[in-house]
Amino acid sequence: MQVQFSGTRISGFSACNRFTGQLTEDSRGFSITQITTTRMACSSVREEIEREFLYLLNDYRTIARDGDRILIIGPNREVLSFSKINPSSK
């Protein structure tokens, strides 16, 4: 999984496809809306991982930085954690 932020846009790779979405702020915190993806064919395992990831991403409320990690925290305190990777380690 890869996630990138640029202004009010979020984009990345979600196990099988590339995705993009819009970051908006409301009284409950941040939300990620208008998520769109490419439509590549993948294994059923990757498709399930991607489906779960995008479902969770769509319901998250808080975005925070913790050192070199970005935390996306959901309404029930679920956490997606992303760490910066060194491009040479890809």
PDB file of N, CA and C in Angstrom:
ATOM      1  N   MET A   1       0.833  -1.166   0.000  1.00  0.00           N
ATOM      2  CA  MET A   1       0.000   0.000   0.000  1.00  0.00           C
ATOM      3  C   MET A   1       0.885   1.239   0.000  1.00  0.00           C
ATOM      4  N   GLN A   2       0.489   2.216  -0.762  1.00  0.00           N
ATOM      5  CA  GLN A   2       1.177   3.506  -0.794  1.00  0.00           C
ATOM      6  C   GLN A   2       0.136   4.605  -0.711  1.00  0.00           C
ATOM      7  N   VAL A   3       0.461   5.654   0.055  1.00  0.00           N
ATOM      8  CA  VAL A   3      -0.433   6.798   0.188  1.00  0.00           C
ATOM      9  C   VAL A   3       0.383   8.064   0.044  1.00  0.00           C
ATOM     10  N   GLN A   4      -0.135   9.017  -0.724  1.00  0.00           N
ATOM     11  CA  GLN A   4       0.499  10.329  -0.892  1.00  0.00           C
ATOM     12  C   GLN A   4      -0.556  11.401  -0.673  1.00  0.00           C
ATOM     13  N   PHE A   5      -0.133  12.502  -0.027  1.00  0.00           N
ATOM     14  CA  PHE A   5      -1.014  13.639   0.199  1.00  0.00           C
ATOM     15  C   PHE A   5      -0.479  14.829  -0.574  1.00  0.00           C
ATOM     16  N   SER A   6      -1.370  15.579  -1.194  1.00  0.00           N
ATOM     17  CA  SER A   6      -0.995  16.798  -1.908  1.00  0.00           C
ATOM     18  C   SER A   6      -2.164  17.775  -1.803  1.00  0.00           C
ATOM     19  N   GLY A   7      -2.023  18.764  -0.931  1.00  0.00           N
ATOM     20  CA  GLY A   7      -3.123  19.700  -0.718  1.00  0.00           C
ATOM     21  C   GLY A   7      -4.337  18.981  -0.184  1.00  0.00           C
ATOM     22  N   THR A   8      -5.435  19.057  -0.906  1.00  0.00           N
ATOM     23  CA  THR A   8      -6.661  18.381  -0.479  1.00  0.00           C
ATOM     24  C   THR A   8      -6.879  17.061  -1.211  1.00  0.00           C
ATOM     25  N   ARG A   9      -5.840  16.526  -1.833  1.00  0.00           N
ATOM     26  CA  ARG A   9      -5.929  15.255  -2.557  1.00  0.00           C
ATOM     27  C   ARG A   9      -5.144  14.172  -1.820  1.00  0.00           C
ATOM     28  N   ILE A  10      -5.655  12.958  -1.892  1.00  0.00           N
ATOM     29  CA  ILE A  10      -4.949  11.776  -1.414  1.00  0.00           C
ATOM     30  C   ILE A  10      -4.906  10.815  -2.595  1.00  0.00           C
ATOM     31  N   SER A  11      -3.783  10.140  -2.767  1.00  0.00           N
ATOM     32  CA  SER A  11      -3.662   9.174  -3.858  1.00  0.00           C
ATOM     33  C   SER A  11      -2.718   8.078  -3.416  1.00  0.00           C
ATOM     34  N   GLY A  12      -2.678   7.008  -4.172  1.00  0.00           N
ATOM     35  CA  GLY A  12      -1.764   5.939  -3.826  1.00  0.00           C
ATOM     36  C   GLY A  12      -2.071   4.647  -4.552  1.00  0.00           C
ATOM     37  N   PHE A  13      -1.551   3.564  -3.973  1.00  0.00           N
ATOM     38  CA  PHE A  13      -1.704   2.219  -4.515  1.00  0.00           C
ATOM     39  C   PHE A  13      -2.362   1.377  -3.432  1.00  0.00           C
ATOM     40  N   SER A  14      -3.418   0.672  -3.769  1.00  0.00           N
ATOM     41  CA  SER A  14      -4.218  -0.044  -2.767  1.00  0.00           C
ATOM     42  C   SER A  14      -4.241  -1.554  -2.997  1.00  0.00           C
ATOM     43  N   ALA A  15      -3.079  -2.161  -3.056  1.00  0.00           N
ATOM     44  CA  ALA A  15      -2.902  -3.614  -3.199  1.00  0.00           C
ATOM     45  C   ALA A  15      -3.037  -4.105  -4.631  1.00  0.00           C
ATOM     46  N   CYS A  16      -3.895  -3.468  -5.415  1.00  0.00           N
ATOM     47  CA  CYS A  16      -4.128  -3.924  -6.781  1.00  0.00           C
ATOM     48  C   CYS A  16      -4.208  -2.753  -7.762  1.00  0.00           C
ATOM     49  N   ASN A  17      -4.827  -1.675  -7.342  1.00  0.00           N
ATOM     50  CA  ASN A  17      -5.097  -0.533  -8.207  1.00  0.00           C
ATOM     51  C   ASN A  17      -4.563   0.769  -7.622  1.00  0.00           C
ATOM     52  N   ARG A  18      -4.444   1.764  -8.466  1.00  0.00           N
ATOM     53  CA  ARG A  18      -4.149   3.119  -8.020  1.00  0.00           C
ATOM     54  C   ARG A  18      -5.469   3.760  -7.618  1.00  0.00           C
ATOM     55  N   PHE A  19      -5.414   4.654  -6.639  1.00  0.00           N
ATOM     56  CA  PHE A  19      -6.626   5.339  -6.213  1.00  0.00           C
ATOM     57  C   PHE A  19      -6.344   6.819  -6.009  1.00  0.00           C
ATOM     58  N   THR A  20      -7.397   7.604  -5.999  1.00  0.00           N
ATOM     59  CA  THR A  20      -7.316   9.020  -5.671  1.00  0.00           C
ATOM     60  C   THR A  20      -8.602   9.397  -4.954  1.00  0.00           C
ATOM     61  N   GLY A  21      -8.518  10.431  -4.125  1.00  0.00           N
ATOM     62  CA  GLY A  21      -9.694  10.888  -3.395  1.00  0.00           C
ATOM     63  C   GLY A  21      -9.522  12.325  -2.950  1.00  0.00           C
ATOM     64  N   GLN A  22     -10.558  12.859  -2.367  1.00  0.00           N
ATOM     65  CA  GLN A  22     -10.599  14.243  -1.909  1.00  0.00           C
ATOM     66  C   GLN A  22     -10.617  14.263  -0.382  1.00  0.00           C
ATOM     67  N   LEU A  23      -9.730  15.063   0.229  1.00  0.00           N
ATOM     68  CA  LEU A  23      -9.740  15.263   1.676  1.00  0.00           C
ATOM     69  C   LEU A  23     -10.651  16.440   1.986  1.00  0.00           C
ATOM     70  N   THR A  24     -11.602  16.232   2.888  1.00  0.00           N
ATOM     71  CA  THR A  24     -12.469  17.321   3.329  1.00  0.00           C
ATOM     72  C   THR A  24     -12.522  17.318   4.848  1.00  0.00           C
ATOM     73  N   GLU A  25     -12.816  18.464   5.425  1.00  0.00           N
ATOM     74  CA  GLU A  25     -12.904  18.579   6.877  1.00  0.00           C
ATOM     75  C   GLU A  25     -14.323  18.975   7.245  1.00  0.00           C
ATOM     76  N   ASP A  26     -14.862  18.299   8.272  1.00  0.00           N
ATOM     77  CA  ASP A  26     -16.181  18.654   8.770  1.00  0.00           C
ATOM     78  C   ASP A  26     -16.129  18.700  10.293  1.00  0.00           C
ATOM     79  N   SER A  27     -17.276  18.795  10.950  1.00  0.00           N
ATOM     80  CA  SER A  27     -17.309  18.932  12.408  1.00  0.00           C
ATOM     81  C   SER A  27     -16.751  17.713  13.133  1.00  0.00           C
ATOM     82  N   ARG A  28     -16.704  16.562  12.494  1.00  0.00           N
ATOM     83  CA  ARG A  28     -16.178  15.337  13.114  1.00  0.00           C
ATOM     84  C   ARG A  28     -14.700  15.121  12.838  1.00  0.00           C
ATOM     85  N   GLY A  29     -14.114  15.903  11.968  1.00  0.00           N
ATOM     86  CA  GLY A  29     -12.708  15.726  11.605  1.00  0.00           C
ATOM     87  C   GLY A  29     -12.568  15.671  10.099  1.00  0.00           C
ATOM     88  N   PHE A  30     -11.583  14.940   9.641  1.00  0.00           N
ATOM     89  CA  PHE A  30     -11.355  14.800   8.205  1.00  0.00           C
ATOM     90  C   PHE A  30     -12.134  13.620   7.659  1.00  0.00           C
ATOM     91  N   SER A  31     -12.488  13.719   6.412  1.00  0.00           N
ATOM     92  CA  SER A  31     -13.043  12.564   5.713  1.00  0.00           C
ATOM     93  C   SER A  31     -12.405  12.505   4.332  1.00  0.00           C
ATOM     94  N   ILE A  32     -12.391  11.323   3.788  1.00  0.00           N
ATOM     95  CA  ILE A  32     -11.837  11.096   2.458  1.00  0.00           C
ATOM     96  C   ILE A  32     -13.004  10.673   1.580  1.00  0.00           C
ATOM     97  N   THR A  33     -13.296  11.495   0.585  1.00  0.00           N
ATOM     98  CA  THR A  33     -14.469  11.264  -0.256  1.00  0.00           C
ATOM     99  C   THR A  33     -14.052  11.180  -1.717  1.00  0.00           C
ATOM    100  N   GLN A  34     -15.010  10.867  -2.544  1.00  0.00           N
ATOM    101  CA  GLN A  34     -14.804  10.808  -3.986  1.00  0.00           C
ATOM    102  C   GLN A  34     -13.628   9.902  -4.356  1.00  0.00           C
ATOM    103  N   ILE A  35     -13.530   8.750  -3.687  1.00  0.00           N
ATOM    104  CA  ILE A  35     -12.447   7.811  -3.975  1.00  0.00           C
ATOM    105  C   ILE A  35     -12.734   7.110  -5.298  1.00  0.00           C
ATOM    106  N   THR A  36     -11.783   7.177  -6.205  1.00  0.00           N
ATOM    107  CA  THR A  36     -11.878   6.468  -7.476  1.00  0.00           C
ATOM    108  C   THR A  36     -10.638   5.598  -7.639  1.00  0.00           C
ATOM    109  N   THR A  37     -10.776   4.518  -8.383  1.00  0.00           N
ATOM    110  CA  THR A  37      -9.655   3.602  -8.592  1.00  0.00           C
ATOM    111  C   THR A  37      -9.564   3.209 -10.056  1.00  0.00           C
ATOM    112  N   THR A  38      -8.385   2.714 -10.413  1.00  0.00           N
ATOM    113  CA  THR A  38      -8.251   2.058 -11.708  1.00  0.00           C
ATOM    114  C   THR A  38      -8.940   0.706 -11.588  1.00  0.00           C
ATOM    115  N   ARG A  39      -9.035  -0.044 -12.646  1.00  0.00           N
ATOM    116  CA  ARG A  39      -9.769  -1.318 -12.636  1.00  0.00           C
ATOM    117  C   ARG A  39      -8.912  -2.467 -13.160  1.00  0.00           C
ATOM    118  N   MET A  40      -7.775  -2.693 -12.525  1.00  0.00           N
ATOM    119  CA  MET A  40      -6.891  -3.783 -12.924  1.00  0.00           C
ATOM    120  C   MET A  40      -7.408  -5.106 -12.358  1.00  0.00           C
ATOM    121  N   ALA A  41      -7.195  -6.173 -13.084  1.00  0.00           N
ATOM    122  CA  ALA A  41      -7.552  -7.503 -12.603  1.00  0.00           C
ATOM    123  C   ALA A  41      -6.470  -7.993 -11.643  1.00  0.00           C
ATOM    124  N   CYS A  42      -6.901  -8.561 -10.523  1.00  0.00           N
ATOM    125  CA  CYS A  42      -5.959  -9.054  -9.508  1.00  0.00           C
ATOM    126  C   CYS A  42      -6.465 -10.373  -8.943  1.00  0.00           C
ATOM    127  N   SER A  43      -5.624 -10.993  -8.141  1.00  0.00           N
ATOM    128  CA  SER A  43      -6.039 -12.219  -7.465  1.00  0.00           C
ATOM    129  C   SER A  43      -7.145 -11.893  -6.464  1.00  0.00           C
ATOM    130  N   SER A  44      -7.926 -12.888  -6.104  1.00  0.00           N
ATOM    131  CA  SER A  44      -9.023 -12.665  -5.156  1.00  0.00           C
ATOM    132  C   SER A  44      -8.504 -12.193  -3.800  1.00  0.00           C
ATOM    133  N   VAL A  45      -7.322 -12.645  -3.400  1.00  0.00           N
ATOM    134  CA  VAL A  45      -6.732 -12.213  -2.127  1.00  0.00           C
ATOM    135  C   VAL A  45      -6.423 -10.720  -2.164  1.00  0.00           C
ATOM    136  N   ARG A  46      -5.767 -10.269  -3.229  1.00  0.00           N
ATOM    137  CA  ARG A  46      -5.454  -8.838  -3.356  1.00  0.00           C
ATOM    138  C   ARG A  46      -6.727  -7.998  -3.459  1.00  0.00           C
ATOM    139  N   GLU A  47      -7.715  -8.499  -4.178  1.00  0.00           N
ATOM    140  CA  GLU A  47      -8.971  -7.761  -4.299  1.00  0.00           C
ATOM    141  C   GLU A  47      -9.638  -7.588  -2.939  1.00  0.00           C
ATOM    142  N   GLU A  48      -9.603  -8.617  -2.102  1.00  0.00           N
ATOM    143  CA  GLU A  48     -10.197  -8.529  -0.765  1.00  0.00           C
ATOM    144  C   GLU A  48      -9.432  -7.539   0.113  1.00  0.00           C
ATOM    145  N   ILE A  49      -8.103  -7.578   0.065  1.00  0.00           N
ATOM    146  CA  ILE A  49      -7.288  -6.624   0.827  1.00  0.00           C
ATOM    147  C   ILE A  49      -7.606  -5.206   0.383  1.00  0.00           C
ATOM    148  N   GLU A  50      -7.661  -4.998  -0.911  1.00  0.00           N
ATOM    149  CA  GLU A  50      -7.951  -3.673  -1.444  1.00  0.00           C
ATOM    150  C   GLU A  50      -9.344  -3.199  -1.048  1.00  0.00           C
ATOM    151  N   ARG A  51     -10.326  -4.060  -1.158  1.00  0.00           N
ATOM    152  CA  ARG A  51     -11.702  -3.700  -0.804  1.00  0.00           C
ATOM    153  C   ARG A  51     -11.780  -3.263   0.664  1.00  0.00           C
ATOM    154  N   GLU A  52     -11.144  -4.014   1.551  1.00  0.00           N
ATOM    155  CA  GLU A  52     -11.143  -3.681   2.979  1.00  0.00           C
ATOM    156  C   GLU A  52     -10.409  -2.367   3.239  1.00  0.00           C
ATOM    157  N   PHE A  53      -9.257  -2.184   2.607  1.00  0.00           N
ATOM    158  CA  PHE A  53      -8.479  -0.953   2.767  1.00  0.00           C
ATOM    159  C   PHE A  53      -9.291   0.266   2.331  1.00  0.00           C
ATOM    160  N   LEU A  54      -9.898   0.214   1.159  1.00  0.00           N
ATOM    161  CA  LEU A  54     -10.669   1.355   0.659  1.00  0.00           C
ATOM    162  C   LEU A  54     -11.913   1.607   1.502  1.00  0.00           C
ATOM    163  N   TYR A  55     -12.530   0.552   2.007  1.00  0.00           N
ATOM    164  CA  TYR A  55     -13.678   0.714   2.904  1.00  0.00           C
ATOM    165  C   TYR A  55     -13.253   1.458   4.166  1.00  0.00           C
ATOM    166  N   LEU A  56     -12.145   1.025   4.769  1.00  0.00           N
ATOM    167  CA  LEU A  56     -11.661   1.678   5.987  1.00  0.00           C
ATOM    168  C   LEU A  56     -11.225   3.109   5.714  1.00  0.00           C
ATOM    169  N   LEU A  57     -10.526   3.314   4.624  1.00  0.00           N
ATOM    170  CA  LEU A  57     -10.045   4.650   4.278  1.00  0.00           C
ATOM    171  C   LEU A  57     -11.215   5.624   4.127  1.00  0.00           C
ATOM    172  N   ASN A  58     -12.301   5.163   3.592  1.00  0.00           N
ATOM    173  CA  ASN A  58     -13.476   6.006   3.369  1.00  0.00           C
ATOM    174  C   ASN A  58     -14.131   6.459   4.675  1.00  0.00           C
ATOM    175  N   ASP A  59     -13.866   5.789   5.796  1.00  0.00           N
ATOM    176  CA  ASP A  59     -14.540   6.092   7.062  1.00  0.00           C
ATOM    177  C   ASP A  59     -13.605   6.676   8.119  1.00  0.00           C
ATOM    178  N   TYR A  60     -12.447   7.154   7.722  1.00  0.00           N
ATOM    179  CA  TYR A  60     -11.500   7.664   8.710  1.00  0.00           C
ATOM    180  C   TYR A  60     -11.722   9.131   8.997  1.00  0.00           C
ATOM    181  N   ARG A  61     -11.346   9.567  10.206  1.00  0.00           N
ATOM    182  CA  ARG A  61     -11.686  10.892  10.690  1.00  0.00           C
ATOM    183  C   ARG A  61     -10.497  11.765  11.055  1.00  0.00           C
ATOM    184  N   THR A  62      -9.420  11.205  11.518  1.00  0.00           N
ATOM    185  CA  THR A  62      -8.292  12.001  11.991  1.00  0.00           C
ATOM    186  C   THR A  62      -7.037  11.597  11.243  1.00  0.00           C
ATOM    187  N   ILE A  63      -6.275  12.585  10.816  1.00  0.00           N
ATOM    188  CA  ILE A  63      -4.987  12.334  10.177  1.00  0.00           C
ATOM    189  C   ILE A  63      -3.937  13.009  11.043  1.00  0.00           C
ATOM    190  N   ALA A  64      -2.940  12.237  11.497  1.00  0.00           N
ATOM    191  CA  ALA A  64      -1.919  12.770  12.401  1.00  0.00           C
ATOM    192  C   ALA A  64      -0.544  12.291  11.968  1.00  0.00           C
ATOM    193  N   ARG A  65       0.468  13.027  12.393  1.00  0.00           N
ATOM    194  CA  ARG A  65       1.850  12.630  12.138  1.00  0.00           C
ATOM    195  C   ARG A  65       2.456  12.171  13.453  1.00  0.00           C
ATOM    196  N   ASP A  66       3.174  11.056  13.416  1.00  0.00           N
ATOM    197  CA  ASP A  66       3.877  10.528  14.580  1.00  0.00           C
ATOM    198  C   ASP A  66       5.286  10.192  14.127  1.00  0.00           C
ATOM    199  N   GLY A  67       6.210  11.143  14.294  1.00  0.00           N
ATOM    200  CA  GLY A  67       7.568  10.953  13.793  1.00  0.00           C
ATOM    201  C   GLY A  67       7.550  10.839  12.287  1.00  0.00           C
ATOM    202  N   ASP A  68       8.034   9.718  11.773  1.00  0.00           N
ATOM    203  CA  ASP A  68       8.071   9.524  10.319  1.00  0.00           C
ATOM    204  C   ASP A  68       6.846   8.765   9.801  1.00  0.00           C
ATOM    205  N   ARG A  69       5.833   8.616  10.641  1.00  0.00           N
ATOM    206  CA  ARG A  69       4.628   7.893  10.235  1.00  0.00           C
ATOM    207  C   ARG A  69       3.432   8.841  10.111  1.00  0.00           C
ATOM    208  N   ILE A  70       2.532   8.513   9.199  1.00  0.00           N
ATOM    209  CA  ILE A  70       1.236   9.174   9.094  1.00  0.00           C
ATOM    210  C   ILE A  70       0.209   8.184   9.643  1.00  0.00           C
ATOM    211  N   LEU A  71      -0.613   8.649  10.568  1.00  0.00           N
ATOM    212  CA  LEU A  71      -1.659   7.825  11.157  1.00  0.00           C
ATOM    213  C   LEU A  71      -3.012   8.337  10.685  1.00  0.00           C
ATOM    214  N   ILE A  72      -3.836   7.449  10.205  1.00  0.00           N
ATOM    215  CA  ILE A  72      -5.202   7.783   9.830  1.00  0.00           C
ATOM    216  C   ILE A  72      -6.087   7.009  10.802  1.00  0.00           C
ATOM    217  N   ILE A  73      -6.818   7.748  11.647  1.00  0.00           N
ATOM    218  CA  ILE A  73      -7.535   7.157  12.777  1.00  0.00           C
ATOM    219  C   ILE A  73      -9.036   7.219  12.525  1.00  0.00           C
ATOM    220  N   GLY A  74      -9.694   6.092  12.695  1.00  0.00           N
ATOM    221  CA  GLY A  74     -11.124   5.995  12.424  1.00  0.00           C
ATOM    222  C   GLY A  74     -11.999   6.385  13.593  1.00  0.00           C
ATOM    223  N   PRO A  75     -13.303   6.413  13.371  1.00  0.00           N
ATOM    224  CA  PRO A  75     -14.246   6.833  14.408  1.00  0.00           C
ATOM    225  C   PRO A  75     -14.274   5.897  15.612  1.00  0.00           C
ATOM    226  N   ASN A  76     -13.881   4.654  15.433  1.00  0.00           N
ATOM    227  CA  ASN A  76     -13.812   3.700  16.543  1.00  0.00           C
ATOM    228  C   ASN A  76     -12.379   3.456  16.990  1.00  0.00           C
ATOM    229  N   ARG A  77     -11.495   4.401  16.671  1.00  0.00           N
ATOM    230  CA  ARG A  77     -10.072   4.393  17.048  1.00  0.00           C
ATOM    231  C   ARG A  77      -9.252   3.358  16.284  1.00  0.00           C
ATOM    232  N   GLU A  78      -9.745   2.855  15.149  1.00  0.00           N
ATOM    233  CA  GLU A  78      -8.926   1.999  14.303  1.00  0.00           C
ATOM    234  C   GLU A  78      -7.830   2.872  13.709  1.00  0.00           C
ATOM    235  N   VAL A  79      -6.658   2.298  13.484  1.00  0.00           N
ATOM    236  CA  VAL A  79      -5.536   3.090  12.981  1.00  0.00           C
ATOM    237  C   VAL A  79      -4.931   2.435  11.744  1.00  0.00           C
ATOM    238  N   LEU A  80      -4.794   3.234  10.681  1.00  0.00           N
ATOM    239  CA  LEU A  80      -3.976   2.851   9.534  1.00  0.00           C
ATOM    240  C   LEU A  80      -2.684   3.626   9.686  1.00  0.00           C
ATOM    241  N   SER A  81      -1.554   2.952   9.653  1.00  0.00           N
ATOM    242  CA  SER A  81      -0.253   3.591   9.852  1.00  0.00           C
ATOM    243  C   SER A  81       0.585   3.445   8.589  1.00  0.00           C
ATOM    244  N   PHE A  82       1.138   4.573   8.122  1.00  0.00           N
ATOM    245  CA  PHE A  82       1.959   4.585   6.919  1.00  0.00           C
ATOM    246  C   PHE A  82       3.313   5.177   7.252  1.00  0.00           C
ATOM    247  N   SER A  83       4.377   4.517   6.818  1.00  0.00           N
ATOM    248  CA  SER A  83       5.743   5.000   7.033  1.00  0.00           C
ATOM    249  C   SER A  83       6.363   5.391   5.710  1.00  0.00           C
ATOM    250  N   LYS A  84       7.167   6.431   5.744  1.00  0.00           N
ATOM    251  CA  LYS A  84       7.883   6.856   4.548  1.00  0.00           C
ATOM    252  C   LYS A  84       8.915   5.794   4.202  1.00  0.00           C
ATOM    253  N   ILE A  85       9.011   5.481   2.918  1.00  0.00           N
ATOM    254  CA  ILE A  85      10.007   4.508   2.484  1.00  0.00           C
ATOM    255  C   ILE A  85      11.084   5.214   1.683  1.00  0.00           C
ATOM    256  N   ASN A  86      12.253   4.655   1.724  1.00  0.00           N
ATOM    257  CA  ASN A  86      13.374   5.163   0.953  1.00  0.00           C
ATOM    258  C   ASN A  86      13.189   4.687  -0.485  1.00  0.00           C
ATOM    259  N   PRO A  87      13.142   5.601  -1.465  1.00  0.00           N
ATOM    260  CA  PRO A  87      12.928   5.184  -2.860  1.00  0.00           C
ATOM    261  C   PRO A  87      13.898   4.114  -3.340  1.00  0.00           C
ATOM    262  N   SER A  88      15.104   4.082  -2.812  1.00  0.00           N
ATOM    263  CA  SER A  88      16.073   3.076  -3.253  1.00  0.00           C
ATOM    264  C   SER A  88      15.760   1.697  -2.693  1.00  0.00           C
ATOM    265  N   SER A  89      14.836   1.602  -1.704  1.00  0.00           N
ATOM    266  CA  SER A  89      14.509   0.302  -1.124  1.00  0.00           C
ATOM    267  C   SER A  89      13.297  -0.342  -1.775  1.00  0.00           C
ATOM    268  N   LYS A  90      12.710   0.284  -2.794  1.00  0.00           N
ATOM    269  CA  LYS A  90      11.534  -0.275  -3.484  1.00  0.00           C
ATOM    270  C   LYS A  90      11.893  -1.527  -4.224  1.00  0.00           C
TER     271      LYS A  90
END
